[in-house]
Amino acid sequence: METMVSVGNGELWAEDSGGDGLPLVLVHPGVGDSTIWDPVLAALATRYRVVRYDARGYGRSPAPTAAYSPSADLAAVLDHFGLARAVLVGSSMGGAASVSLTLDAPERVAGLALFVPGVTGYDFDESDLNQEVARLAEAGDLEGIVRHGLGLWGRVGGGSPEADPVAAAHLRAVLPAWFSNVGHQQPDAPAFDRLGEIAVPTVLALGEQDRPQVVACNEQMAARIPGCRLVRLAKSDHYPTLREPEAVARLVEELYAQAR
């Protein structure tokens, strides 16, 4: 079932597979919208109730017109579907929102499955990336942004639109959100130094072919989360659902079995 979810000063597109039991909520990365979950959706939805949504400006969700918080929007999605508790499955940007909600409202989270996650409060210098994206955007070279992004996040697929058209399509589709969300998306409170407070079953899967800075961040995150299971996906970059969908689905299922 597809629907629009009202959030503070806006709305989000969301989809609920229906069913009973503890739900899974899939939270997508910044390098793709909710369709990034397509390679694992069928495997998960046959066994569990699955909810996924597009963040503001991504996919089928309208661009934001006011300030918003990613974790507050995630909480609004849970509220809309009447989900008192859920297992959160977050990738990259979606992982950061999932971690933030877990810290802010631990009673609502039964388990965390994190794939190449981000986290607020980590000293991650993206100035070079932001400057290059701004330079290419000013020149009107959106395809150059796609090519640059794949060189960073899509190396397993060949690092170019020609070699990796599927990842390129995902990245190309989210560029409007990157620009429309500037000045509206507000960072959640720093979470990196609070990771030791997480008390739910957690698995964190990093992509061994991801950017070294992301790998280092993910290793430190896993070390700080009590009892976190760290998994290294040897064939993944920043697109694990495209590179190793079977492994992603299996890890989610294994985490779900431990959720409480």
C-alpha atoms as a PDB file:
ATOM      1  CA  MET A   1       0.000   0.000   0.000  1.00  0.00           C
ATOM      2  CA  GLU A   2       1.397   3.380  -1.044  1.00  0.00           C
ATOM      3  CA  THR A   3       0.500   6.559   0.800  1.00  0.00           C
ATOM      4  CA  MET A   4       1.650  10.089   1.581  1.00  0.00           C
ATOM      5  CA  VAL A   5       2.705  10.687   5.185  1.00  0.00           C
ATOM      6  CA  SER A   6       2.242  14.113   6.746  1.00  0.00           C
ATOM      7  CA  VAL A   7       5.355  15.386   8.484  1.00  0.00           C
ATOM      8  CA  GLY A   8       6.212  18.802   9.901  1.00  0.00           C
ATOM      9  CA  ASN A   9       5.628  21.324   7.094  1.00  0.00           C
ATOM     10  CA  GLY A  10       5.693  18.642   4.402  1.00  0.00           C
ATOM     11  CA  GLU A  11       4.941  15.095   3.375  1.00  0.00           C
ATOM     12  CA  LEU A  12       6.699  11.880   2.438  1.00  0.00           C
ATOM     13  CA  TRP A  13       5.862   9.052   0.079  1.00  0.00           C
ATOM     14  CA  ALA A  14       5.778   5.716   1.906  1.00  0.00           C
ATOM     15  CA  GLU A  15       4.870   2.111   1.214  1.00  0.00           C
ATOM     16  CA  ASP A  16       3.668  -0.565   3.648  1.00  0.00           C
ATOM     17  CA  SER A  17       3.700  -4.224   2.597  1.00  0.00           C
ATOM     18  CA  GLY A  18       1.180  -5.049   5.310  1.00  0.00           C
ATOM     19  CA  GLY A  19       1.193  -8.045   7.590  1.00  0.00           C
ATOM     20  CA  ASP A  20       1.578  -8.809  11.251  1.00  0.00           C
ATOM     21  CA  GLY A  21       4.509  -8.967  13.613  1.00  0.00           C
ATOM     22  CA  LEU A  22       7.392  -6.667  14.369  1.00  0.00           C
ATOM     23  CA  PRO A  23       7.916  -4.506  11.267  1.00  0.00           C
ATOM     24  CA  LEU A  24      11.056  -3.676   9.343  1.00  0.00           C
ATOM     25  CA  VAL A  25      11.511  -0.025   8.374  1.00  0.00           C
ATOM     26  CA  LEU A  26      13.945   0.580   5.513  1.00  0.00           C
ATOM     27  CA  VAL A  27      15.710   3.968   5.472  1.00  0.00           C
ATOM     28  CA  HIS A  28      17.576   4.743   2.252  1.00  0.00           C
ATOM     29  CA  PRO A  29      20.975   6.406   1.657  1.00  0.00           C
ATOM     30  CA  GLY A  30      21.713   9.770   0.096  1.00  0.00           C
ATOM     31  CA  VAL A  31      23.075   8.086  -3.036  1.00  0.00           C
ATOM     32  CA  GLY A  32      19.707   6.545  -3.887  1.00  0.00           C
ATOM     33  CA  ASP A  33      16.035   6.764  -2.979  1.00  0.00           C
ATOM     34  CA  SER A  34      13.802   4.016  -1.564  1.00  0.00           C
ATOM     35  CA  THR A  35      14.103   2.001  -4.784  1.00  0.00           C
ATOM     36  CA  ILE A  36      17.647   1.151  -3.640  1.00  0.00           C
ATOM     37  CA  TRP A  37      15.924  -1.549  -1.560  1.00  0.00           C
ATOM     38  CA  ASP A  38      14.297  -3.219  -4.592  1.00  0.00           C
ATOM     39  CA  PRO A  39      16.929  -6.003  -4.834  1.00  0.00           C
ATOM     40  CA  VAL A  40      16.106  -7.193  -1.286  1.00  0.00           C
ATOM     41  CA  LEU A  41      12.461  -6.148  -0.936  1.00  0.00           C
ATOM     42  CA  ALA A  42      10.847  -9.308  -2.250  1.00  0.00           C
ATOM     43  CA  ALA A  43      12.931 -11.560  -0.007  1.00  0.00           C
ATOM     44  CA  LEU A  44      12.061  -9.509   3.071  1.00  0.00           C
ATOM     45  CA  ALA A  45       8.398  -8.731   2.343  1.00  0.00           C
ATOM     46  CA  THR A  46       7.516 -12.412   1.956  1.00  0.00           C
ATOM     47  CA  ARG A  47       8.447 -12.944   5.616  1.00  0.00           C
ATOM     48  CA  TYR A  48       7.947  -9.619   7.365  1.00  0.00           C
ATOM     49  CA  ARG A  49       5.897  -6.468   7.355  1.00  0.00           C
ATOM     50  CA  VAL A  50       8.124  -3.962   5.549  1.00  0.00           C
ATOM     51  CA  VAL A  51       7.758  -0.187   5.476  1.00  0.00           C
ATOM     52  CA  ARG A  52       9.956   2.019   3.306  1.00  0.00           C
ATOM     53  CA  TYR A  53       9.768   5.695   2.414  1.00  0.00           C
ATOM     54  CA  ASP A  54      11.444   8.436   0.396  1.00  0.00           C
ATOM     55  CA  ALA A  55      13.153  11.184   2.368  1.00  0.00           C
ATOM     56  CA  ARG A  56      12.163  14.731   1.492  1.00  0.00           C
ATOM     57  CA  GLY A  57      12.999  15.612  -2.091  1.00  0.00           C
ATOM     58  CA  TYR A  58      13.934  12.020  -2.948  1.00  0.00           C
ATOM     59  CA  GLY A  59      11.953   9.677  -5.175  1.00  0.00           C
ATOM     60  CA  ARG A  60       8.253  10.377  -4.888  1.00  0.00           C
ATOM     61  CA  SER A  61       8.489  12.774  -1.920  1.00  0.00           C
ATOM     62  CA  PRO A  62       8.122  16.520  -2.568  1.00  0.00           C
ATOM     63  CA  ALA A  63      11.080  18.796  -2.019  1.00  0.00           C
ATOM     64  CA  PRO A  64      11.166  20.422   1.416  1.00  0.00           C
ATOM     65  CA  THR A  65       9.958  23.966   1.941  1.00  0.00           C
ATOM     66  CA  ALA A  66      10.968  24.290   5.597  1.00  0.00           C
ATOM     67  CA  ALA A  67      13.569  22.996   8.033  1.00  0.00           C
ATOM     68  CA  TYR A  68      13.314  19.337   8.980  1.00  0.00           C
ATOM     69  CA  SER A  69      15.165  16.668  10.926  1.00  0.00           C
ATOM     70  CA  PRO A  70      15.822  13.242   9.328  1.00  0.00           C
ATOM     71  CA  SER A  71      15.232  11.368  12.581  1.00  0.00           C
ATOM     72  CA  ALA A  72      12.047  13.331  13.312  1.00  0.00           C
ATOM     73  CA  ASP A  73      10.737  12.403   9.874  1.00  0.00           C
ATOM     74  CA  LEU A  74      11.542   8.752  10.571  1.00  0.00           C
ATOM     75  CA  ALA A  75       9.610   8.986  13.843  1.00  0.00           C
ATOM     76  CA  ALA A  76       6.685  10.553  11.940  1.00  0.00           C
ATOM     77  CA  VAL A  77       6.631   7.580   9.563  1.00  0.00           C
ATOM     78  CA  LEU A  78       6.458   5.192  12.531  1.00  0.00           C
ATOM     79  CA  ASP A  79       3.636   7.259  14.010  1.00  0.00           C
ATOM     80  CA  HIS A  80       1.690   7.303  10.742  1.00  0.00           C
ATOM     81  CA  PHE A  81       1.653   3.521  10.520  1.00  0.00           C
ATOM     82  CA  GLY A  82       1.013   3.066  14.240  1.00  0.00           C
ATOM     83  CA  LEU A  83       4.347   1.355  14.834  1.00  0.00           C
ATOM     84  CA  ALA A  84       5.207   1.481  18.523  1.00  0.00           C
ATOM     85  CA  ARG A  85       8.422  -0.450  17.863  1.00  0.00           C
ATOM     86  CA  ALA A  86      10.306  -1.564  14.768  1.00  0.00           C
ATOM     87  CA  VAL A  87      13.549  -2.994  13.487  1.00  0.00           C
ATOM     88  CA  LEU A  88      15.334  -0.191  11.638  1.00  0.00           C
ATOM     89  CA  VAL A  89      17.365  -0.995   8.528  1.00  0.00           C
ATOM     90  CA  GLY A  90      19.386   2.056   7.531  1.00  0.00           C
ATOM     91  CA  SER A  91      21.942   2.635   4.797  1.00  0.00           C
ATOM     92  CA  SER A  92      24.414   5.556   4.820  1.00  0.00           C
ATOM     93  CA  MET A  93      22.276   8.686   5.407  1.00  0.00           C
ATOM     94  CA  GLY A  94      19.443   6.402   6.501  1.00  0.00           C
ATOM     95  CA  GLY A  95      21.772   4.696   8.934  1.00  0.00           C
ATOM     96  CA  ALA A  96      22.541   8.033  10.567  1.00  0.00           C
ATOM     97  CA  ALA A  97      18.828   8.795  10.983  1.00  0.00           C
ATOM     98  CA  SER A  98      18.241   5.300  12.403  1.00  0.00           C
ATOM     99  CA  VAL A  99      21.044   5.686  14.941  1.00  0.00           C
ATOM    100  CA  SER A 100      19.759   9.102  15.997  1.00  0.00           C
ATOM    101  CA  LEU A 101      16.221   7.833  16.550  1.00  0.00           C
ATOM    102  CA  THR A 102      17.544   4.855  18.519  1.00  0.00           C
ATOM    103  CA  LEU A 103      19.332   7.238  20.874  1.00  0.00           C
ATOM    104  CA  ASP A 104      16.424   9.686  21.111  1.00  0.00           C
ATOM    105  CA  ALA A 105      13.644   7.101  21.511  1.00  0.00           C
ATOM    106  CA  PRO A 106      15.181   3.730  22.426  1.00  0.00           C
ATOM    107  CA  GLU A 107      11.803   2.303  23.387  1.00  0.00           C
ATOM    108  CA  ARG A 108      10.754   2.464  19.725  1.00  0.00           C
ATOM    109  CA  VAL A 109      13.640   0.427  18.301  1.00  0.00           C
ATOM    110  CA  ALA A 110      13.882  -3.352  18.627  1.00  0.00           C
ATOM    111  CA  GLY A 111      17.025  -3.791  16.535  1.00  0.00           C
ATOM    112  CA  LEU A 112      19.388  -1.992  14.176  1.00  0.00           C
ATOM    113  CA  ALA A 113      20.722  -3.243  10.851  1.00  0.00           C
ATOM    114  CA  LEU A 114      23.203  -0.679   9.550  1.00  0.00           C
ATOM    115  CA  PHE A 115      24.772  -0.790   6.096  1.00  0.00           C
ATOM    116  CA  VAL A 116      27.719   1.537   5.335  1.00  0.00           C
ATOM    117  CA  PRO A 117      26.107   3.931   7.842  1.00  0.00           C
ATOM    118  CA  GLY A 118      26.776   7.553   8.518  1.00  0.00           C
ATOM    119  CA  VAL A 119      26.569   9.071  11.977  1.00  0.00           C
ATOM    120  CA  THR A 120      26.249  12.642  13.193  1.00  0.00           C
ATOM    121  CA  GLY A 121      29.076  14.053  15.253  1.00  0.00           C
ATOM    122  CA  TYR A 122      31.860  12.186  13.478  1.00  0.00           C
ATOM    123  CA  ASP A 123      34.739  14.325  12.199  1.00  0.00           C
ATOM    124  CA  PHE A 124      34.285  13.615   8.497  1.00  0.00           C
ATOM    125  CA  ASP A 125      35.826  16.220   6.217  1.00  0.00           C
ATOM    126  CA  GLU A 126      33.718  16.427   3.052  1.00  0.00           C
ATOM    127  CA  SER A 127      34.924  19.865   1.984  1.00  0.00           C
ATOM    128  CA  ASP A 128      36.735  18.611  -1.138  1.00  0.00           C
ATOM    129  CA  LEU A 129      33.679  16.634  -2.243  1.00  0.00           C
ATOM    130  CA  ASN A 130      31.316  19.540  -1.618  1.00  0.00           C
ATOM    131  CA  GLN A 131      33.560  21.946  -3.502  1.00  0.00           C
ATOM    132  CA  GLU A 132      33.782  19.648  -6.517  1.00  0.00           C
ATOM    133  CA  VAL A 133      30.027  19.073  -6.594  1.00  0.00           C
ATOM    134  CA  ALA A 134      29.463  22.833  -6.333  1.00  0.00           C
ATOM    135  CA  ARG A 135      31.940  23.482  -9.153  1.00  0.00           C
ATOM    136  CA  LEU A 136      30.289  20.951 -11.448  1.00  0.00           C
ATOM    137  CA  ALA A 137      26.805  22.198 -10.573  1.00  0.00           C
ATOM    138  CA  GLU A 138      27.777  25.791 -11.323  1.00  0.00           C
ATOM    139  CA  ALA A 139      29.034  24.624 -14.704  1.00  0.00           C
ATOM    140  CA  GLY A 140      25.737  22.816 -15.298  1.00  0.00           C
ATOM    141  CA  ASP A 141      27.571  19.495 -15.543  1.00  0.00           C
ATOM    142  CA  LEU A 142      25.180  17.169 -13.717  1.00  0.00           C
ATOM    143  CA  GLU A 143      26.558  14.170 -15.553  1.00  0.00           C
ATOM    144  CA  GLY A 144      29.971  15.180 -14.256  1.00  0.00           C
ATOM    145  CA  ILE A 145      28.588  14.946 -10.718  1.00  0.00           C
ATOM    146  CA  VAL A 146      27.330  11.443 -11.455  1.00  0.00           C
ATOM    147  CA  ARG A 147      30.705  10.431 -12.833  1.00  0.00           C
ATOM    148  CA  HIS A 148      32.538  11.964  -9.866  1.00  0.00           C
ATOM    149  CA  GLY A 149      30.183  10.314  -7.383  1.00  0.00           C
ATOM    150  CA  LEU A 150      30.534   6.875  -8.912  1.00  0.00           C
ATOM    151  CA  GLY A 151      34.297   7.241  -8.748  1.00  0.00           C
ATOM    152  CA  LEU A 152      33.937   7.651  -4.996  1.00  0.00           C
ATOM    153  CA  TRP A 153      31.021   5.397  -4.069  1.00  0.00           C
ATOM    154  CA  GLY A 154      30.652   2.952  -6.948  1.00  0.00           C
ATOM    155  CA  ARG A 155      34.095   1.522  -7.536  1.00  0.00           C
ATOM    156  CA  VAL A 156      32.949  -2.107  -7.505  1.00  0.00           C
ATOM    157  CA  GLY A 157      30.772  -1.388 -10.533  1.00  0.00           C
ATOM    158  CA  GLY A 158      33.602   0.198 -12.465  1.00  0.00           C
ATOM    159  CA  GLY A 159      33.304   3.767 -11.228  1.00  0.00           C
ATOM    160  CA  SER A 160      31.638   5.218 -14.327  1.00  0.00           C
ATOM    161  CA  PRO A 161      28.113   5.526 -15.786  1.00  0.00           C
ATOM    162  CA  GLU A 162      29.119   3.404 -18.781  1.00  0.00           C
ATOM    163  CA  ALA A 163      30.401   0.559 -16.622  1.00  0.00           C
ATOM    164  CA  ASP A 164      27.686   0.773 -13.962  1.00  0.00           C
ATOM    165  CA  PRO A 165      24.435   2.091 -15.453  1.00  0.00           C
ATOM    166  CA  VAL A 166      22.221   0.874 -12.602  1.00  0.00           C
ATOM    167  CA  ALA A 167      24.134   2.709  -9.867  1.00  0.00           C
ATOM    168  CA  ALA A 168      24.445   5.699 -12.194  1.00  0.00           C
ATOM    169  CA  ALA A 169      20.661   5.814 -12.586  1.00  0.00           C
ATOM    170  CA  HIS A 170      20.181   5.776  -8.814  1.00  0.00           C
ATOM    171  CA  LEU A 171      22.696   8.564  -8.313  1.00  0.00           C
ATOM    172  CA  ARG A 172      21.384  10.649 -11.209  1.00  0.00           C
ATOM    173  CA  ALA A 173      17.842  10.435  -9.836  1.00  0.00           C
ATOM    174  CA  VAL A 174      18.739  11.906  -6.447  1.00  0.00           C
ATOM    175  CA  LEU A 175      20.699  14.943  -7.614  1.00  0.00           C
ATOM    176  CA  PRO A 176      17.611  17.204  -7.446  1.00  0.00           C
ATOM    177  CA  ALA A 177      17.229  16.290  -3.768  1.00  0.00           C
ATOM    178  CA  TRP A 178      20.835  17.160  -3.040  1.00  0.00           C
ATOM    179  CA  PHE A 179      20.177  20.716  -4.186  1.00  0.00           C
ATOM    180  CA  SER A 180      16.582  21.190  -3.000  1.00  0.00           C
ATOM    181  CA  ASN A 181      17.420  20.047   0.530  1.00  0.00           C
ATOM    182  CA  VAL A 182      20.272  22.508   1.087  1.00  0.00           C
ATOM    183  CA  GLY A 183      19.289  24.882   3.867  1.00  0.00           C
ATOM    184  CA  HIS A 184      16.290  22.758   4.849  1.00  0.00           C
ATOM    185  CA  GLN A 185      17.800  19.513   6.129  1.00  0.00           C
ATOM    186  CA  GLN A 186      19.023  20.165   9.661  1.00  0.00           C
ATOM    187  CA  PRO A 187      21.569  17.764  11.180  1.00  0.00           C
ATOM    188  CA  ASP A 188      20.387  15.717  14.120  1.00  0.00           C
ATOM    189  CA  ALA A 189      22.241  16.094  17.405  1.00  0.00           C
ATOM    190  CA  PRO A 190      25.752  14.563  17.505  1.00  0.00           C
ATOM    191  CA  ALA A 191      25.478  10.815  18.013  1.00  0.00           C
ATOM    192  CA  PHE A 192      28.996   9.439  17.584  1.00  0.00           C
ATOM    193  CA  ASP A 193      30.033  10.001  21.203  1.00  0.00           C
ATOM    194  CA  ARG A 194      26.746   8.471  22.416  1.00  0.00           C
ATOM    195  CA  LEU A 195      26.980   5.178  20.539  1.00  0.00           C
ATOM    196  CA  GLY A 196      27.800   3.407  23.798  1.00  0.00           C
ATOM    197  CA  GLU A 197      24.213   4.075  24.897  1.00  0.00           C
ATOM    198  CA  ILE A 198      22.724   1.829  22.209  1.00  0.00           C
ATOM    199  CA  ALA A 199      21.292  -1.241  23.912  1.00  0.00           C
ATOM    200  CA  VAL A 200      19.525  -3.129  21.121  1.00  0.00           C
ATOM    201  CA  PRO A 201      20.861  -5.934  18.917  1.00  0.00           C
ATOM    202  CA  THR A 202      22.904  -4.311  16.163  1.00  0.00           C
ATOM    203  CA  VAL A 203      24.686  -5.460  13.039  1.00  0.00           C
ATOM    204  CA  LEU A 204      26.892  -3.082  11.070  1.00  0.00           C
ATOM    205  CA  ALA A 205      28.003  -4.091   7.591  1.00  0.00           C
ATOM    206  CA  LEU A 206      30.723  -2.069   5.907  1.00  0.00           C
ATOM    207  CA  GLY A 207      31.774  -2.312   2.277  1.00  0.00           C
ATOM    208  CA  GLU A 208      35.425  -3.200   1.976  1.00  0.00           C
ATOM    209  CA  GLN A 209      35.545  -1.387  -1.385  1.00  0.00           C
ATOM    210  CA  ASP A 210      33.970   1.765   0.058  1.00  0.00           C
ATOM    211  CA  ARG A 211      35.884   5.005   0.602  1.00  0.00           C
ATOM    212  CA  PRO A 212      38.607   4.494   3.247  1.00  0.00           C
ATOM    213  CA  GLN A 213      37.115   7.319   5.352  1.00  0.00           C
ATOM    214  CA  VAL A 214      33.761   5.535   5.464  1.00  0.00           C
ATOM    215  CA  VAL A 215      35.371   2.191   6.313  1.00  0.00           C
ATOM    216  CA  ALA A 216      37.283   3.807   9.189  1.00  0.00           C
ATOM    217  CA  CYS A 217      34.134   5.501  10.471  1.00  0.00           C
ATOM    218  CA  ASN A 218      32.174   2.243  10.323  1.00  0.00           C
ATOM    219  CA  GLU A 219      34.889   0.341  12.182  1.00  0.00           C
ATOM    220  CA  GLN A 220      34.870   2.922  14.950  1.00  0.00           C
ATOM    221  CA  MET A 221      31.082   2.923  15.118  1.00  0.00           C
ATOM    222  CA  ALA A 222      30.961  -0.856  15.515  1.00  0.00           C
ATOM    223  CA  ALA A 223      33.613  -0.721  18.231  1.00  0.00           C
ATOM    224  CA  ARG A 224      31.578   1.819  20.205  1.00  0.00           C
ATOM    225  CA  ILE A 225      28.171   0.106  19.977  1.00  0.00           C
ATOM    226  CA  PRO A 226      27.928  -2.516  22.751  1.00  0.00           C
ATOM    227  CA  GLY A 227      27.663  -6.028  21.347  1.00  0.00           C
ATOM    228  CA  CYS A 228      27.606  -4.822  17.742  1.00  0.00           C
ATOM    229  CA  ARG A 229      28.315  -7.464  15.126  1.00  0.00           C
ATOM    230  CA  LEU A 230      30.686  -6.085  12.499  1.00  0.00           C
ATOM    231  CA  VAL A 231      30.463  -7.658   9.041  1.00  0.00           C
ATOM    232  CA  ARG A 232      32.817  -6.870   6.172  1.00  0.00           C
ATOM    233  CA  LEU A 233      31.208  -7.168   2.754  1.00  0.00           C
ATOM    234  CA  ALA A 234      34.170  -7.936   0.510  1.00  0.00           C
ATOM    235  CA  LYS A 235      32.365  -7.224  -2.761  1.00  0.00           C
ATOM    236  CA  SER A 236      30.563  -4.031  -1.730  1.00  0.00           C
ATOM    237  CA  ASP A 237      31.240  -0.332  -2.047  1.00  0.00           C
ATOM    238  CA  HIS A 238      28.621   2.247  -0.947  1.00  0.00           C
ATOM    239  CA  TYR A 239      25.866   0.314  -2.741  1.00  0.00           C
ATOM    240  CA  PRO A 240      25.595  -2.966  -0.803  1.00  0.00           C
ATOM    241  CA  THR A 241      22.020  -3.706  -1.903  1.00  0.00           C
ATOM    242  CA  LEU A 242      23.176  -3.590  -5.527  1.00  0.00           C
ATOM    243  CA  ARG A 243      26.432  -5.479  -5.001  1.00  0.00           C
ATOM    244  CA  GLU A 244      25.489  -8.189  -2.483  1.00  0.00           C
ATOM    245  CA  PRO A 245      21.690  -8.254  -2.088  1.00  0.00           C
ATOM    246  CA  GLU A 246      21.596 -11.835  -0.813  1.00  0.00           C
ATOM    247  CA  ALA A 247      24.061 -11.002   1.955  1.00  0.00           C
ATOM    248  CA  VAL A 248      22.105  -7.858   2.881  1.00  0.00           C
ATOM    249  CA  ALA A 249      18.834  -9.791   3.122  1.00  0.00           C
ATOM    250  CA  ARG A 250      20.482 -12.548   5.160  1.00  0.00           C
ATOM    251  CA  LEU A 251      22.001 -10.092   7.623  1.00  0.00           C
ATOM    252  CA  VAL A 252      18.652  -8.354   8.098  1.00  0.00           C
ATOM    253  CA  GLU A 253      16.958 -11.700   8.747  1.00  0.00           C
ATOM    254  CA  GLU A 254      19.620 -12.734  11.245  1.00  0.00           C
ATOM    255  CA  LEU A 255      19.343  -9.420  13.066  1.00  0.00           C
ATOM    256  CA  TYR A 256      15.560  -9.640  13.077  1.00  0.00           C
ATOM    257  CA  ALA A 257      15.771 -13.014  14.834  1.00  0.00           C
ATOM    258  CA  GLN A 258      17.682 -11.330  17.665  1.00  0.00           C
ATOM    259  CA  ALA A 259      15.450  -8.249  17.941  1.00  0.00           C
ATOM    260  CA  ARG A 260      13.696  -7.732  21.239  1.00  0.00           C
END
